[in-house]
């Protein structure tokens, strides 16, 4: 398992995608008239120049944006919340010197249904082996004070424990899933080390831990996880890893406290012997679920979306999102009418641009819309999207020096935001 050239403090751009033995991809036809388009306006963010590792989470109260501020060897996780059309004053969650920071696996802050705030971030345990732990804390007073940090597992191996997604448990409390590489150290008989697994944990409203279990035993090493809540419960999307190195997108559902056998969203048959660092995004409303993902199974990168009407048990045909070639880094949000808005990175004219379009389960898609101004620089990092009422909020980092320019601490890479509405 190799995540990236490791650093304790500083943004890292992870591995680019490649493919081997590509399989044919057959997206759904798109012959119907375009659906409604998006109107995009800039969104002012409360983060300062030089902030990095941005993330969005949404709740019934509003949208939280979180970010990391770096000063020499110190890193600080901060956040602000948008209620209505205004941001709260930024507040600090935690600071430290031993953090593991990367633009693909970022900290987050989530407001639970009872108003409690939960936060997750990463601390390095062995930087040479890219080993790090997920740490959690909670706040009952809107972030003025925070609990003593803790880990959601008892494992003490110095391996990867990251790509965590926090979610609000039905019935109250916090749930999370993460990628866990403890078997790389514990499985001494495997010639290339053990497999990375998908694990989950849960805590009740009093913060007593109620579970710590395996959700899937073999997943892609460092692709982001994503979680949505349906009327039938929790669904998690992830990139699976077969014994033959097929790394397609799967989902698993939490039923009666246990995770179901994984279900393929679509059989792309993408065979690749290294992690593309390009996870799926999932959104749900009732029992309608939408997933967006990236594949290079056809020898060229493309982004797709697909819908399920039965809480992720079965899936319709994929709808292609990009028009030329995509580097993925997708997100998706369902709308009240059962359609969804999906975003992706389109690579054209030597520029990585953030685009979005509305898609329907039947395959109807609006014309793609550029979320960035035409004169903007290339997207650097992994964009995020959140729905707040009628607003779709977009968050990304942008570099005038190109997609692979690193944050220089002096504004070389800047957090950007936009608001889009369907019309």
Protein backbone atom coordinates (compact mmCIF):
# COMPACT_ATOMS: atom_id res chain seq x y z
CA UNK A 1 0.00 0.00 0.00
CA UNK A 2 1.34 3.39 -1.01
CA UNK A 3 -0.72 6.46 -0.39
CA UNK A 4 1.58 9.33 -1.34
CA UNK A 5 5.01 10.74 -0.59
CA UNK A 6 4.44 11.21 3.14
CA UNK A 7 4.59 14.48 5.03
CA UNK A 8 3.48 15.51 8.48
CA UNK A 9 2.58 19.08 7.61
CA UNK A 10 1.73 20.17 4.10
CA UNK A 11 -0.67 19.24 1.36
CA UNK A 12 0.16 16.22 -0.78
CA UNK A 13 -1.22 15.47 -4.22
CA UNK A 14 -1.79 11.74 -4.49
CA UNK A 15 -1.20 9.26 -7.28
CA UNK A 16 -2.61 9.84 -10.75
CA UNK A 17 -4.86 7.25 -12.32
CA UNK A 18 -3.74 4.52 -14.67
CA UNK A 19 -5.41 1.43 -16.11
CA UNK A 20 -4.61 -2.07 -17.32
CA UNK A 21 -6.67 -4.43 -19.50
CA UNK A 22 -9.56 -1.97 -19.85
CA UNK A 23 -13.10 -3.28 -20.20
CA UNK A 24 -15.76 -1.80 -22.45
CA UNK A 25 -18.04 0.78 -20.81
CA UNK A 26 -21.61 1.23 -22.03
CA UNK A 27 -23.31 4.24 -20.44
CA UNK A 28 -27.00 4.92 -20.90
CA UNK A 29 -28.03 6.81 -24.04
CA UNK A 30 -28.83 10.49 -23.63
CA UNK A 31 -31.22 11.34 -26.45
CA UNK A 32 -33.86 13.29 -24.50
CA UNK A 33 -33.91 17.11 -24.40
CA UNK A 34 -31.63 18.72 -21.80
CA UNK A 35 -32.95 18.94 -18.27
CA UNK A 36 -32.88 22.12 -16.21
CA UNK A 37 -29.56 23.93 -16.09
CA UNK A 38 -27.63 25.45 -13.18
CA UNK A 39 -27.13 29.10 -12.33
CA UNK A 40 -23.77 29.60 -10.60
CA UNK A 41 -22.63 32.55 -8.46
CA UNK A 42 -19.52 32.95 -6.25
CA UNK A 43 -19.66 31.92 -2.59
CA UNK A 44 -17.54 33.84 -0.10
CA UNK A 45 -15.81 31.54 2.39
CA UNK A 46 -14.81 32.34 5.99
CA UNK A 47 -11.40 30.66 5.68
CA UNK A 48 -8.21 32.76 5.42
CA UNK A 49 -5.73 32.80 2.55
CA UNK A 50 -3.49 29.76 2.66
CA UNK A 51 -6.08 27.45 4.26
CA UNK A 52 -6.05 23.87 3.00
CA UNK A 53 -7.77 20.46 3.33
CA UNK A 54 -11.32 21.85 2.83
CA UNK A 55 -14.43 19.81 3.59
CA UNK A 56 -18.23 20.31 3.57
CA UNK A 57 -20.83 18.54 5.73
CA UNK A 58 -24.55 19.29 5.86
CA UNK A 59 -27.22 19.01 8.56
CA UNK A 60 -30.76 20.23 9.11
CA UNK A 61 -29.28 23.42 10.60
CA UNK A 62 -26.95 24.33 7.75
CA UNK A 63 -23.60 23.58 6.12
CA UNK A 64 -20.27 23.32 7.90
CA UNK A 65 -17.04 24.13 6.10
CA UNK A 66 -13.84 22.96 7.77
CA UNK A 67 -10.21 23.55 6.88
CA UNK A 68 -6.66 23.28 8.19
CA UNK A 69 -4.35 26.23 8.89
CA UNK A 70 -0.63 25.53 8.96
CA UNK A 71 2.06 27.57 10.68
CA UNK A 72 5.51 26.01 10.57
CA UNK A 73 5.14 22.59 12.27
CA UNK A 74 1.69 23.33 13.72
CA UNK A 75 -1.63 22.42 12.13
CA UNK A 76 -5.04 23.60 13.34
CA UNK A 77 -8.48 22.32 12.36
CA UNK A 78 -11.07 25.10 12.15
CA UNK A 79 -14.68 25.33 11.00
CA UNK A 80 -17.59 27.70 10.41
CA UNK A 81 -21.30 27.03 9.84
CA UNK A 82 -23.58 28.58 7.22
CA UNK A 83 -27.15 29.07 8.43
CA UNK A 84 -29.37 30.97 6.05
CA UNK A 85 -26.90 32.94 3.95
CA UNK A 86 -24.30 33.86 6.58
CA UNK A 87 -21.28 32.11 8.06
CA UNK A 88 -20.60 31.92 11.78
CA UNK A 89 -17.31 33.08 13.18
CA UNK A 90 -14.59 30.43 12.70
CA UNK A 91 -13.82 28.25 15.70
CA UNK A 92 -10.93 25.92 16.51
CA UNK A 93 -11.36 22.19 17.06
CA UNK A 94 -7.79 21.06 17.79
CA UNK A 95 -4.14 21.80 17.00
CA UNK A 96 -1.09 19.56 16.80
CA UNK A 97 2.41 18.95 15.40
CA UNK A 98 2.15 15.30 14.34
CA UNK A 99 -0.69 15.45 11.83
CA UNK A 100 -0.91 13.46 8.62
CA UNK A 101 -2.24 15.85 5.98
CA UNK A 102 -3.17 15.13 2.39
CA UNK A 103 -5.63 16.76 0.01
CA UNK A 104 -7.33 13.39 -0.64
CA UNK A 105 -8.03 12.44 2.99
CA UNK A 106 -9.12 15.53 4.89
CA UNK A 107 -10.43 16.21 8.40
CA UNK A 108 -14.14 16.93 8.88
CA UNK A 109 -16.65 18.44 11.30
CA UNK A 110 -20.27 17.21 11.36
CA UNK A 111 -23.33 18.45 13.26
CA UNK A 112 -25.47 15.54 14.50
CA UNK A 113 -29.25 15.60 14.74
CA UNK A 114 -29.19 16.42 18.48
CA UNK A 115 -26.95 19.45 17.85
CA UNK A 116 -23.70 17.85 18.98
CA UNK A 117 -20.65 18.54 16.82
CA UNK A 118 -18.30 15.67 15.95
CA UNK A 119 -14.85 16.10 14.41
CA UNK A 120 -12.29 13.75 12.88
CA UNK A 121 -8.63 14.32 11.97
CA UNK A 122 -5.44 12.29 11.46
CA UNK A 123 -2.23 11.89 13.44
CA UNK A 124 0.85 10.19 11.99
CA UNK A 125 2.24 7.08 13.71
CA UNK A 126 4.97 6.08 11.23
CA UNK A 127 5.53 8.59 8.47
CA UNK A 128 7.89 6.33 6.47
CA UNK A 129 5.13 3.70 6.16
CA UNK A 130 2.37 6.31 5.70
CA UNK A 131 0.79 5.09 8.92
CA UNK A 132 -1.71 7.25 10.78
CA UNK A 133 -4.68 7.09 13.14
CA UNK A 134 -8.15 8.62 13.02
CA UNK A 135 -8.93 10.73 16.07
CA UNK A 136 -12.37 11.97 17.15
CA UNK A 137 -13.75 14.61 19.50
CA UNK A 138 -17.18 16.05 20.22
CA UNK A 139 -18.63 19.35 21.41
CA UNK A 140 -21.97 20.09 23.10
CA UNK A 141 -21.58 23.90 23.01
CA UNK A 142 -21.24 24.68 19.28
CA UNK A 143 -17.49 24.22 19.29
CA UNK A 144 -16.52 26.45 22.20
CA UNK A 145 -15.06 23.45 24.03
CA UNK A 146 -14.26 19.90 22.90
CA UNK A 147 -14.01 16.50 24.53
CA UNK A 148 -10.73 14.72 25.10
CA UNK A 149 -9.70 13.21 21.73
CA UNK A 150 -10.10 9.45 21.29
CA UNK A 151 -9.78 6.76 18.62
CA UNK A 152 -12.78 4.70 17.45
CA UNK A 153 -10.87 1.40 17.65
CA UNK A 154 -8.46 -0.47 19.94
CA UNK A 155 -6.03 -1.50 17.20
CA UNK A 156 -2.46 -0.40 17.93
CA UNK A 157 -0.76 -1.31 14.66
CA UNK A 158 1.16 1.48 13.00
CA UNK A 159 -0.73 1.29 9.72
CA UNK A 160 -3.23 3.35 7.78
CA UNK A 161 -6.51 4.19 9.53
CA UNK A 162 -8.07 6.91 7.42
CA UNK A 163 -10.46 8.06 4.70
CA UNK A 164 -13.09 8.29 7.43
CA UNK A 165 -16.68 9.37 6.74
CA UNK A 166 -18.78 10.51 9.70
CA UNK A 167 -22.55 10.09 9.64
CA UNK A 168 -25.59 10.70 11.81
CA UNK A 169 -26.91 7.38 13.05
CA UNK A 170 -30.66 6.77 12.73
CA UNK A 171 -31.92 6.91 16.28
CA UNK A 172 -29.09 9.13 17.47
CA UNK A 173 -25.36 9.07 17.92
CA UNK A 174 -22.36 9.02 15.60
CA UNK A 175 -21.40 6.42 13.05
CA UNK A 176 -18.30 6.30 10.91
CA UNK A 177 -16.57 4.13 8.34
CA UNK A 178 -12.87 4.17 7.50
CA UNK A 179 -10.15 2.30 5.59
CA UNK A 180 -8.11 0.14 7.95
CA UNK A 181 -4.77 -1.49 7.04
CA UNK A 182 -4.07 -3.31 10.30
CA UNK A 183 -3.82 -6.61 8.36
CA UNK A 184 -0.77 -5.29 6.53
CA UNK A 185 1.08 -5.68 9.81
CA UNK A 186 -0.80 -8.62 11.31
CA UNK A 187 -0.97 -10.93 8.28
CA UNK A 188 2.62 -12.19 8.13
CA UNK A 189 1.83 -14.97 5.64
CA UNK A 190 0.58 -12.74 2.82
CA UNK A 191 3.43 -12.19 0.29
CA UNK A 192 2.44 -8.56 -0.33
CA UNK A 193 0.97 -7.87 3.07
CA UNK A 194 -2.65 -8.15 4.12
CA UNK A 195 -5.58 -6.40 2.52
CA UNK A 196 -6.99 -3.04 3.48
CA UNK A 197 -10.49 -3.45 4.92
CA UNK A 198 -13.48 -1.19 5.35
CA UNK A 199 -14.43 -0.93 9.04
CA UNK A 200 -17.17 0.85 10.93
CA UNK A 201 -17.87 2.03 14.45
CA UNK A 202 -20.76 3.64 16.27
CA UNK A 203 -21.37 5.66 19.43
CA UNK A 204 -24.64 6.33 21.22
CA UNK A 205 -25.72 9.88 22.21
CA UNK A 206 -23.86 9.53 25.54
CA UNK A 207 -20.67 8.65 23.54
CA UNK A 208 -20.54 5.06 24.67
CA UNK A 209 -19.11 2.95 21.85
CA UNK A 210 -21.70 0.48 20.57
CA UNK A 211 -19.87 -1.24 17.69
CA UNK A 212 -16.52 -1.77 15.97
CA UNK A 213 -16.80 -4.18 13.05
CA UNK A 214 -15.67 -5.09 9.55
CA UNK A 215 -17.87 -3.78 6.74
CA UNK A 216 -15.82 -5.33 3.91
CA UNK A 217 -12.61 -7.36 4.13
CA UNK A 218 -10.86 -6.24 0.91
CA UNK A 219 -11.18 -2.76 -0.54
CA UNK A 220 -9.07 -0.37 -2.59
CA UNK A 221 -6.20 0.97 -0.50
CA UNK A 222 -6.84 4.71 -0.53
CA UNK A 223 -10.08 5.67 -2.30
CA UNK A 224 -12.48 7.91 -0.41
CA UNK A 225 -15.54 6.42 1.32
CA UNK A 226 -19.04 7.93 1.20
CA UNK A 227 -22.19 7.34 3.27
CA UNK A 228 -25.88 8.18 2.79
CA UNK A 229 -29.01 7.53 4.87
CA UNK A 230 -32.03 6.01 3.15
CA UNK A 231 -35.49 5.27 4.52
CA UNK A 232 -34.20 1.71 5.04
CA UNK A 233 -30.97 2.73 6.77
CA UNK A 234 -27.32 3.44 6.06
CA UNK A 235 -25.65 2.76 2.70
CA UNK A 236 -21.88 3.06 2.22
CA UNK A 237 -20.17 3.39 -1.16
CA UNK A 238 -16.53 2.37 -1.65
CA UNK A 239 -14.11 1.06 -4.26
CA UNK A 240 -13.87 -2.71 -3.98
CA UNK A 241 -10.74 -4.75 -4.75
CA UNK A 242 -11.16 -8.28 -6.10
CA UNK A 243 -8.54 -11.03 -6.06
CA UNK A 244 -7.99 -10.24 -9.75
CA UNK A 245 -7.43 -6.51 -9.05
CA UNK A 246 -10.80 -5.43 -10.40
CA UNK A 247 -11.54 -2.19 -8.56
CA UNK A 248 -15.13 -1.20 -9.24
CA UNK A 249 -17.57 0.71 -7.05
CA UNK A 250 -19.67 -1.27 -4.59
CA UNK A 251 -22.15 -0.48 -1.83
CA UNK A 252 -22.97 -2.21 1.43
CA UNK A 253 -26.05 -1.60 3.59
CA UNK A 254 -26.26 -1.68 7.38
CA UNK A 255 -29.14 -4.05 8.26
CA UNK A 256 -29.92 -5.14 11.82
CA UNK A 257 -26.53 -3.92 12.96
CA UNK A 258 -24.59 -5.89 10.31
CA UNK A 259 -23.24 -4.97 6.90
CA UNK A 260 -24.66 -6.78 3.88
CA UNK A 261 -22.62 -8.48 1.19
CA UNK A 262 -21.26 -5.86 -1.23
CA UNK A 263 -23.37 -4.97 -4.26
CA UNK A 264 -21.75 -3.68 -7.45
CA UNK A 265 -23.09 -0.35 -8.70
CA UNK A 266 -21.87 -1.21 -12.21
CA UNK A 267 -19.45 -3.81 -13.53
CA UNK A 268 -16.87 -1.56 -15.17
CA UNK A 269 -14.28 -4.34 -14.84
CA UNK A 270 -11.50 -1.83 -14.27
CA UNK A 271 -8.36 -3.88 -13.66
CA UNK A 272 -5.64 -1.79 -12.04
CA UNK A 273 -2.78 -2.90 -9.81
CA UNK A 274 -2.57 0.30 -7.76
CA UNK A 275 -5.07 2.55 -6.04
CA UNK A 276 -6.35 5.44 -8.23
CA UNK A 277 -7.17 7.58 -5.14
CA UNK A 278 -10.57 8.34 -6.64
CA UNK A 279 -13.49 7.27 -4.48
CA UNK A 280 -17.25 7.42 -5.10
CA UNK A 281 -19.87 9.86 -3.81
CA UNK A 282 -23.34 8.86 -2.64
CA UNK A 283 -26.57 10.71 -1.85
CA UNK A 284 -30.01 9.49 -0.77
CA UNK A 285 -33.56 10.76 -0.38
CA UNK A 286 -36.13 8.26 0.86
CA UNK A 287 -35.15 5.02 -0.88
CA UNK A 288 -33.77 6.78 -3.93
CA UNK A 289 -29.98 6.63 -4.00
CA UNK A 290 -27.51 8.17 -6.47
CA UNK A 291 -23.82 7.33 -6.78
CA UNK A 292 -21.15 9.10 -8.85
CA UNK A 293 -17.78 7.54 -9.62
CA UNK A 294 -14.69 7.49 -11.84
CA UNK A 295 -13.32 4.69 -13.99
CA UNK A 296 -10.61 4.30 -16.59
CA UNK A 297 -11.74 0.84 -17.67
CA UNK A 298 -11.93 1.89 -21.31
CA UNK A 299 -8.36 3.19 -21.34
CA UNK A 300 -9.50 6.77 -20.76
CA UNK A 301 -10.88 8.40 -17.63
CA UNK A 302 -14.62 9.08 -17.42
CA UNK A 303 -17.10 10.00 -14.70
CA UNK A 304 -20.50 8.34 -14.31
CA UNK A 305 -23.64 8.43 -12.18
CA UNK A 306 -26.24 5.74 -11.50
CA UNK A 307 -29.50 5.54 -9.53
CA UNK A 308 -31.18 3.01 -7.28
CA UNK A 309 -34.87 3.11 -6.34
CA UNK A 310 -34.63 0.43 -3.63
CA UNK A 311 -32.09 1.81 -1.15
CA UNK A 312 -29.06 0.50 -3.04
CA UNK A 313 -30.14 -3.10 -3.61
CA UNK A 314 -30.24 -2.78 -7.41
CA UNK A 315 -28.91 -0.16 -9.81
CA UNK A 316 -29.88 1.36 -13.15
CA UNK A 317 -27.61 1.91 -16.14
CA UNK A 318 -24.78 4.45 -15.70
CA UNK A 319 -25.05 7.95 -17.14
CA UNK A 320 -21.81 9.46 -18.40
CA UNK A 321 -21.07 12.89 -16.93
CA UNK A 322 -17.99 14.22 -18.74
CA UNK A 323 -17.83 15.22 -22.41
CA UNK A 324 -14.15 14.63 -23.23
CA UNK A 325 -12.03 13.08 -20.51
CA UNK A 326 -12.31 13.23 -16.75
CA UNK A 327 -9.93 12.82 -13.83
CA UNK A 328 -12.93 12.00 -11.63
CA UNK A 329 -12.98 13.44 -8.09
CA UNK A 330 -16.75 13.35 -8.18
CA UNK A 331 -19.58 14.42 -5.91
CA UNK A 332 -23.36 14.13 -6.14
CA UNK A 333 -26.48 15.47 -4.41
CA UNK A 334 -30.07 14.28 -4.90
CA UNK A 335 -32.84 16.82 -5.49
CA UNK A 336 -36.45 16.61 -4.31
CA UNK A 337 -37.72 15.57 -7.76
CA UNK A 338 -35.57 12.42 -7.79
CA UNK A 339 -32.92 13.83 -10.11
CA UNK A 340 -29.39 14.65 -8.97
CA UNK A 341 -26.66 17.20 -9.57
CA UNK A 342 -23.26 15.60 -10.06
CA UNK A 343 -19.85 17.26 -10.25
CA UNK A 344 -16.54 16.06 -11.68
CA UNK A 345 -13.18 17.29 -12.93
CA UNK A 346 -13.06 17.67 -16.70
CA UNK A 347 -9.61 17.88 -18.26
CA UNK A 348 -9.60 19.97 -21.43
CA UNK A 349 -7.28 22.54 -22.97
CA UNK A 350 -4.53 21.63 -20.48
CA UNK A 351 -6.76 22.67 -17.58
CA UNK A 352 -8.55 20.71 -14.85
CA UNK A 353 -11.96 22.37 -14.50
CA UNK A 354 -14.79 21.70 -12.04
CA UNK A 355 -18.06 21.03 -13.88
CA UNK A 356 -21.56 19.93 -12.89
CA UNK A 357 -24.80 18.90 -14.53
CA UNK A 358 -28.25 17.67 -13.58
CA UNK A 359 -29.01 14.02 -14.39
CA UNK A 360 -32.14 11.90 -14.04
CA UNK A 361 -32.55 8.16 -13.44
CA UNK A 362 -33.77 7.77 -17.03
CA UNK A 363 -30.49 9.18 -18.38
CA UNK A 364 -31.61 12.71 -19.24
CA UNK A 365 -28.83 15.21 -18.53
CA UNK A 366 -28.58 18.99 -18.71
CA UNK A 367 -25.72 20.68 -20.50
CA UNK A 368 -22.60 20.75 -18.30
CA UNK A 369 -21.91 23.98 -16.44
CA UNK A 370 -18.51 25.27 -15.37
CA UNK A 371 -18.54 25.95 -11.63
CA UNK A 372 -15.39 28.09 -11.88
CA UNK A 373 -15.07 31.33 -13.82
CA UNK A 374 -13.55 30.81 -17.25
CA UNK A 375 -10.36 32.66 -16.25
CA UNK A 376 -9.86 30.55 -13.13
CA UNK A 377 -6.86 28.32 -12.57
CA UNK A 378 -6.82 24.53 -12.49
CA UNK A 379 -8.53 22.62 -9.72
CA UNK A 380 -6.00 21.28 -7.23
CA UNK A 381 -7.22 18.64 -4.83
CA UNK A 382 -10.67 17.13 -4.36
CA UNK A 383 -13.81 19.28 -4.68
CA UNK A 384 -16.84 18.90 -2.41
CA UNK A 385 -20.53 19.68 -2.74
CA UNK A 386 -23.32 20.10 -0.17
CA UNK A 387 -27.02 20.80 -0.44
CA UNK A 388 -28.52 23.48 1.81
CA UNK A 389 -32.20 23.98 1.04
CA UNK A 390 -32.43 25.23 -2.54
CA UNK A 391 -28.71 25.96 -2.67
CA UNK A 392 -25.99 23.64 -3.91
CA UNK A 393 -22.68 24.71 -2.41
CA UNK A 394 -19.39 23.87 -4.12
CA UNK A 395 -15.96 23.89 -2.48
CA UNK A 396 -12.56 23.34 -4.07
CA UNK A 397 -8.95 24.45 -4.10
CA UNK A 398 -7.54 26.20 -7.13
CA UNK A 399 -4.02 26.80 -8.35
CA UNK A 400 -2.81 29.17 -11.02
CA UNK A 401 0.23 26.91 -11.34
CA UNK A 402 -1.72 23.88 -12.59
CA UNK A 403 -3.39 20.83 -11.13
CA UNK A 404 -0.22 19.44 -9.54
CA UNK A 405 1.03 22.64 -7.93
CA UNK A 406 1.49 22.25 -4.19
CA UNK A 407 0.33 24.66 -1.55
CA UNK A 408 3.18 27.06 -0.86
CA UNK A 409 1.87 28.69 2.32
CA UNK A 410 1.54 32.04 0.57
CA UNK A 411 -1.69 31.68 -1.32
CA UNK A 412 -0.40 29.54 -4.19
CA UNK A 413 -3.43 27.28 -3.72
CA UNK A 414 -6.63 28.91 -2.53
CA UNK A 415 -9.96 27.61 -1.27
CA UNK A 416 -12.83 28.67 -3.53
CA UNK A 417 -16.60 28.40 -3.31
CA UNK A 418 -19.70 28.74 -5.46
CA UNK A 419 -23.50 28.52 -5.12
CA UNK A 420 -25.63 26.87 -7.78
CA UNK A 421 -29.39 26.70 -8.20
CA UNK A 422 -31.36 24.57 -10.60
CA UNK A 423 -33.48 26.59 -13.03
